[in-house]
Each structure stands twice: as structure tokens, then as C-alpha cells.
Protein backbone atom coordinates (compact mmCIF):
# COMPACT_ATOMS: atom_id res chain seq x y z
CA UNK A 1 -84.14 -69.79 -87.92
CA UNK A 2 -83.46 -66.26 -89.11
CA UNK A 3 -85.60 -63.53 -90.59
CA UNK A 4 -84.06 -64.28 -93.99
CA UNK A 5 -86.13 -67.48 -94.01
CA UNK A 6 -89.22 -65.33 -94.47
CA UNK A 7 -88.45 -63.96 -97.91
CA UNK A 8 -91.51 -65.34 -99.69
CA UNK A 9 -95.02 -63.93 -100.04
CA UNK A 10 -96.57 -63.71 -96.58
CA UNK A 11 -100.03 -62.38 -95.83
CA UNK A 12 -100.45 -61.95 -92.10
CA UNK A 13 -103.98 -63.40 -92.12
CA UNK A 14 -103.59 -66.32 -94.51
CA UNK A 15 -106.27 -68.54 -92.99
CA UNK A 16 -105.76 -71.74 -94.99
CA UNK A 17 -103.58 -74.07 -92.86
CA UNK A 18 -101.96 -75.74 -95.85
CA UNK A 19 -98.45 -74.26 -95.70
CA UNK A 20 -95.59 -76.18 -94.12
CA UNK A 21 -94.65 -73.19 -91.98
CA UNK A 22 -98.06 -73.28 -90.31
CA UNK A 23 -96.77 -76.37 -88.49
CA UNK A 24 -93.56 -74.66 -87.40
CA UNK A 25 -92.45 -74.59 -83.76
CA UNK A 26 -93.89 -77.96 -82.85
CA UNK A 27 -93.02 -78.51 -79.18
CA UNK A 28 -93.33 -74.80 -78.35
CA UNK A 29 -92.85 -73.98 -74.67
CA UNK A 30 -92.70 -70.71 -72.77
CA UNK A 31 -89.36 -69.32 -71.77
CA UNK A 32 -88.98 -69.15 -67.99
CA UNK A 33 -89.68 -65.42 -68.00
CA UNK A 34 -92.72 -65.73 -70.25
CA UNK A 35 -94.07 -68.64 -68.20
CA UNK A 36 -94.16 -66.31 -65.19
CA UNK A 37 -95.83 -63.60 -67.26
CA UNK A 38 -98.45 -66.04 -68.57
CA UNK A 39 -99.20 -67.21 -65.03
CA UNK A 40 -99.59 -63.59 -63.92
CA UNK A 41 -102.06 -62.89 -66.74
CA UNK A 42 -104.14 -65.95 -65.85
CA UNK A 43 -104.15 -65.00 -62.15
CA UNK A 44 -105.98 -61.76 -63.00
CA UNK A 45 -109.19 -63.74 -63.52
CA UNK A 46 -111.33 -65.87 -61.17
CA UNK A 47 -110.90 -69.64 -61.06
CA UNK A 48 -112.56 -71.25 -64.04
CA UNK A 49 -112.35 -68.03 -66.07
CA UNK A 50 -108.80 -68.51 -67.32
CA UNK A 51 -110.04 -68.28 -70.92
CA UNK A 52 -110.25 -64.53 -70.37
CA UNK A 53 -106.45 -64.44 -70.62
CA UNK A 54 -106.43 -65.72 -74.20
CA UNK A 55 -105.58 -62.38 -75.83
CA UNK A 56 -102.55 -61.47 -73.71
CA UNK A 57 -101.25 -65.04 -73.96
CA UNK A 58 -101.52 -65.04 -77.75
CA UNK A 59 -99.69 -61.71 -77.84
CA UNK A 60 -97.03 -63.07 -75.49
CA UNK A 61 -96.58 -66.17 -77.65
CA UNK A 62 -96.30 -64.09 -80.81
CA UNK A 63 -93.63 -61.92 -79.18
CA UNK A 64 -91.69 -65.01 -78.07
CA UNK A 65 -91.66 -66.32 -81.64
CA UNK A 66 -90.57 -62.86 -82.75
CA UNK A 67 -87.67 -62.86 -80.31
CA UNK A 68 -86.60 -66.31 -81.50
CA UNK A 69 -86.71 -65.40 -85.19
CA UNK A 70 -85.71 -61.71 -85.12
CA UNK A 71 -89.08 -60.83 -86.66
CA UNK A 72 -92.26 -59.20 -85.43
CA UNK A 73 -93.60 -62.65 -84.62
CA UNK A 74 -96.52 -64.84 -85.68
CA UNK A 75 -98.72 -67.71 -84.49
CA UNK A 76 -98.24 -71.10 -86.16
CA UNK A 77 -100.70 -73.87 -85.30
CA UNK A 78 -98.62 -75.62 -82.56
CA UNK A 79 -98.27 -72.31 -80.72
CA UNK A 80 -102.03 -71.69 -80.82
CA UNK A 81 -102.54 -75.26 -79.61
CA UNK A 82 -100.15 -74.66 -76.71
CA UNK A 83 -102.09 -71.59 -75.56
CA UNK A 84 -105.38 -73.49 -75.93
CA UNK A 85 -104.09 -76.37 -73.80
CA UNK A 86 -102.82 -74.08 -71.06
CA UNK A 87 -106.16 -72.28 -70.87
CA UNK A 88 -108.16 -75.53 -71.20
CA UNK A 89 -109.94 -74.16 -74.26
CA UNK A 90 -110.89 -75.91 -77.50
CA UNK A 91 -108.33 -75.10 -80.17
CA UNK A 92 -111.04 -73.63 -82.41
CA UNK A 93 -112.04 -71.06 -79.76
CA UNK A 94 -108.49 -69.76 -79.59
CA UNK A 95 -108.18 -69.87 -83.38
CA UNK A 96 -111.33 -67.75 -83.61
CA UNK A 97 -109.66 -65.06 -81.51
CA UNK A 98 -106.43 -65.22 -83.51
CA UNK A 99 -108.28 -64.86 -86.81
CA UNK A 100 -110.57 -62.05 -85.65
CA UNK A 101 -107.94 -59.56 -84.50
CA UNK A 102 -105.38 -58.30 -87.01
CA UNK A 103 -102.87 -57.77 -84.19
CA UNK A 104 -102.15 -61.49 -84.50
CA UNK A 105 -100.10 -62.66 -87.48
CA UNK A 106 -101.05 -66.05 -88.88
CA UNK A 107 -98.15 -66.28 -91.30
CA UNK A 108 -94.47 -65.35 -91.03
CA UNK A 109 -93.67 -61.64 -91.21
CA UNK A 110 -90.47 -59.65 -91.39
CA UNK A 111 -88.51 -57.91 -88.68
CA UNK A 112 -90.65 -54.82 -89.24
CA UNK A 113 -94.38 -55.30 -89.79
CA UNK A 114 -95.46 -52.15 -91.60
CA UNK A 115 -99.20 -51.49 -91.37
CA UNK A 116 -100.53 -48.71 -93.58
CA UNK A 117 -103.92 -47.18 -92.93
CA UNK A 118 -105.72 -46.65 -96.22
CA UNK A 119 -109.09 -45.54 -94.86
CA UNK A 120 -110.68 -42.29 -96.07
CA UNK A 121 -109.02 -39.75 -93.69
CA UNK A 122 -105.56 -41.17 -94.36
CA UNK A 123 -106.27 -41.41 -98.08
CA UNK A 124 -107.38 -37.77 -98.22
CA UNK A 125 -104.22 -36.75 -96.34
CA UNK A 126 -101.83 -38.61 -98.63
CA UNK A 127 -101.66 -42.32 -97.82
CA UNK A 128 -101.32 -43.00 -101.57
CA UNK A 129 -97.99 -41.14 -101.49
CA UNK A 130 -96.90 -43.24 -98.53
CA UNK A 131 -97.82 -46.43 -100.42
CA UNK A 132 -95.96 -45.19 -103.50
CA UNK A 133 -92.74 -44.63 -101.56
CA UNK A 134 -93.04 -48.03 -99.89
CA UNK A 135 -93.46 -49.66 -103.28
CA UNK A 136 -90.50 -47.76 -104.69
CA UNK A 137 -88.41 -49.20 -101.88
CA UNK A 138 -89.50 -52.72 -102.78
CA UNK A 139 -92.07 -53.04 -100.00
CA UNK A 140 -95.33 -54.37 -101.42
CA UNK A 141 -98.70 -55.15 -99.86
CA UNK A 142 -99.04 -58.71 -98.62
CA UNK A 143 -95.37 -59.53 -99.13
CA UNK A 144 -92.12 -59.70 -97.19
CA UNK A 145 -89.01 -58.17 -98.71
CA UNK A 146 -86.30 -60.63 -99.82
CA UNK A 147 -84.00 -59.50 -97.00
CA UNK A 148 -86.66 -60.41 -94.44
CA UNK A 149 -86.85 -56.88 -93.04
CA UNK A 150 -90.27 -55.56 -94.03
CA UNK A 151 -93.78 -56.97 -94.40
CA UNK A 152 -96.50 -54.59 -95.59
CA UNK A 153 -100.17 -54.89 -94.67
CA UNK A 154 -102.87 -52.38 -95.57
CA UNK A 155 -105.33 -52.06 -92.70
CA UNK A 156 -108.48 -50.20 -91.76
CA UNK A 157 -108.62 -47.23 -89.39
CA UNK A 158 -106.14 -47.37 -86.51
CA UNK A 159 -107.58 -44.36 -84.70
CA UNK A 160 -105.04 -41.72 -85.73
CA UNK A 161 -107.29 -39.81 -88.14
CA UNK A 162 -106.27 -36.39 -86.79
CA UNK A 163 -102.63 -37.20 -87.52
CA UNK A 164 -103.13 -38.84 -90.91
CA UNK A 165 -101.54 -40.37 -92.85
CA UNK A 166 -99.83 -42.83 -90.57
CA UNK A 167 -97.98 -46.12 -90.36
CA UNK A 168 -97.83 -48.55 -87.48
CA UNK A 169 -94.50 -50.36 -87.51
CA UNK A 170 -94.36 -53.09 -84.88
CA UNK A 171 -95.36 -51.27 -81.67
CA UNK A 172 -94.75 -47.71 -82.87
CA UNK A 173 -96.94 -45.22 -84.74
CA UNK A 174 -95.47 -42.78 -87.26
CA UNK A 175 -97.89 -39.94 -87.98
CA UNK A 176 -98.25 -36.87 -90.22
CA UNK A 177 -96.29 -38.63 -92.93
CA UNK A 178 -95.50 -37.53 -96.44
CA UNK A 179 -93.32 -39.10 -99.12
CA UNK A 180 -90.09 -37.67 -97.74
CA UNK A 181 -90.66 -38.57 -94.09
CA UNK A 182 -91.86 -42.06 -95.05
CA UNK A 183 -88.64 -42.66 -96.94
CA UNK A 184 -86.65 -41.34 -93.99
CA UNK A 185 -88.35 -43.71 -91.52
CA UNK A 186 -87.89 -46.76 -93.75
CA UNK A 187 -84.25 -45.93 -94.51
CA UNK A 188 -83.49 -45.52 -90.81
CA UNK A 189 -85.00 -48.88 -89.92
CA UNK A 190 -83.15 -50.59 -92.77
CA UNK A 191 -79.90 -49.07 -91.46
CA UNK A 192 -80.50 -50.47 -87.97
CA UNK A 193 -81.48 -47.12 -86.50
CA UNK A 194 -84.58 -46.25 -84.48
CA UNK A 195 -86.48 -43.31 -85.98
CA UNK A 196 -88.49 -41.22 -83.55
CA UNK A 197 -92.12 -42.36 -83.50
CA UNK A 198 -95.13 -40.09 -83.35
CA UNK A 199 -95.74 -36.98 -85.42
CA UNK A 200 -93.13 -36.43 -88.11
CA UNK A 201 -93.85 -32.70 -88.27
CA UNK A 202 -93.38 -32.02 -84.55
CA UNK A 203 -96.99 -31.94 -83.44
CA UNK A 204 -97.73 -32.86 -79.85
CA UNK A 205 -100.68 -35.23 -79.64
CA UNK A 206 -103.28 -34.06 -82.19
CA UNK A 207 -102.81 -30.29 -81.79
CA UNK A 208 -103.54 -28.20 -84.92
CA UNK A 209 -100.95 -28.10 -87.66
CA UNK A 210 -98.90 -24.99 -86.96
CA UNK A 211 -99.29 -25.14 -83.20
CA UNK A 212 -101.94 -24.65 -80.56
CA UNK A 213 -104.37 -21.75 -80.88
CA UNK A 214 -106.07 -21.73 -77.47
CA UNK A 215 -104.72 -24.00 -74.71
CA UNK A 216 -101.05 -23.07 -74.83
CA UNK A 217 -99.88 -25.13 -71.86
CA UNK A 218 -99.99 -28.92 -71.75
CA UNK A 219 -100.93 -30.69 -68.52
CA UNK A 220 -98.11 -32.79 -67.08
């Protein structure tokens, strides 16, 4: 299965289990490496408390699906069932976790899951311009591009208010964006390149725009 399979509309938290792809990956099993990682996560907790490992195991499973499909990964029903069985938890308890946290994708996504913060600080700093550029490049909210590369989700605050507006793309944050830098990041990813994450105007951490004004040396 390739990322091109995921060219249809795909909302990452489509809760209704009535799509054929929700039953994908029946017979899911850990890779040898991930089986060791899962065991290590479970071993962090006392005997009988293995349910505490549910979040890292769901993340691990999503990443394994991502590696198999050349996408950012998602959690179809058989995969959630597999995690539930390993942790000796009712399926619904694991499903509750998967549906509560937006870090888990419940429908197929593209190779790059683009999450745009549209909360007030980002909006005041230009997130509408970021959305406009994404739309101009054929990337639309709640959908995956026909080439399977990009899925766009608008999310609530991701904690980067001082560096707004920002995008989270897979595991990387791109901050201090404007229309031009947004286009540059997207074009680089589409070309198979890795744009530098973090501030796109050269800020370190959340220092003032234009440079520091008091503490001029950063601690190592």
C-alpha cells in the first residue's frame, strides 16, 4: 500500500467506523524492533498497571503504520484492538484515548500531516495568510492532496503563541511564518527536501523579534 492510496477526503478524527479502511491492517503485529520497544514501555510500570503504557503504544503503532505506508500514520480498528489485547484493556478504553488526543489519527493521512493553529494569537499574527497559501497550493482543511503528500488539519493552540503563526508538520514545528515562508516550506517538502524547522525568521527560542534586549548570552 502506498501513500497514493490516500487521495480521498480524510479527516484525522472521523469517529464513525463505517469506512472500509477503518478495518485495514487486520492481523497487525509489531515488527521485531517495535515489539522490544513496546515491552520496554510496559516495563516502566508496576505489574497490573500495564494500561499506563497505552499512549506510547498507540503512538508506536501509528508510526509503524506510517513506516509501512510512507505516510504520517494512523490507527485503524484492528491496530487499536491489538494494543488493547496486549495491555489487557477493553477495546473501548483504548478507543477513548485514541479519540481524545488529536495526536492520534483515526483515518488515513498523507506523508506530511500539516496542522495549522488557528487560535487567536496565531490568527492575529497571520494564520489566515498561511491558510491562504496552503489552499492556493491545493492543500485544504480535512482533505489529503491527490498525490498523497499532504493532509491539512486546523487545530487549537499548540503552545507556540510567542512564535505565531506556526505549523506542525509531522514531528516538526515551523514558526514565525508568513505567506512566503509557508510556500517555501511546502515546496521544499514536495520536492523531497527537509526544510529547517523552528523559527523561519532566525529567532532563537521565543526571543523578541529583532534580537535579545537584555540577556545576550544563551545558557548551553
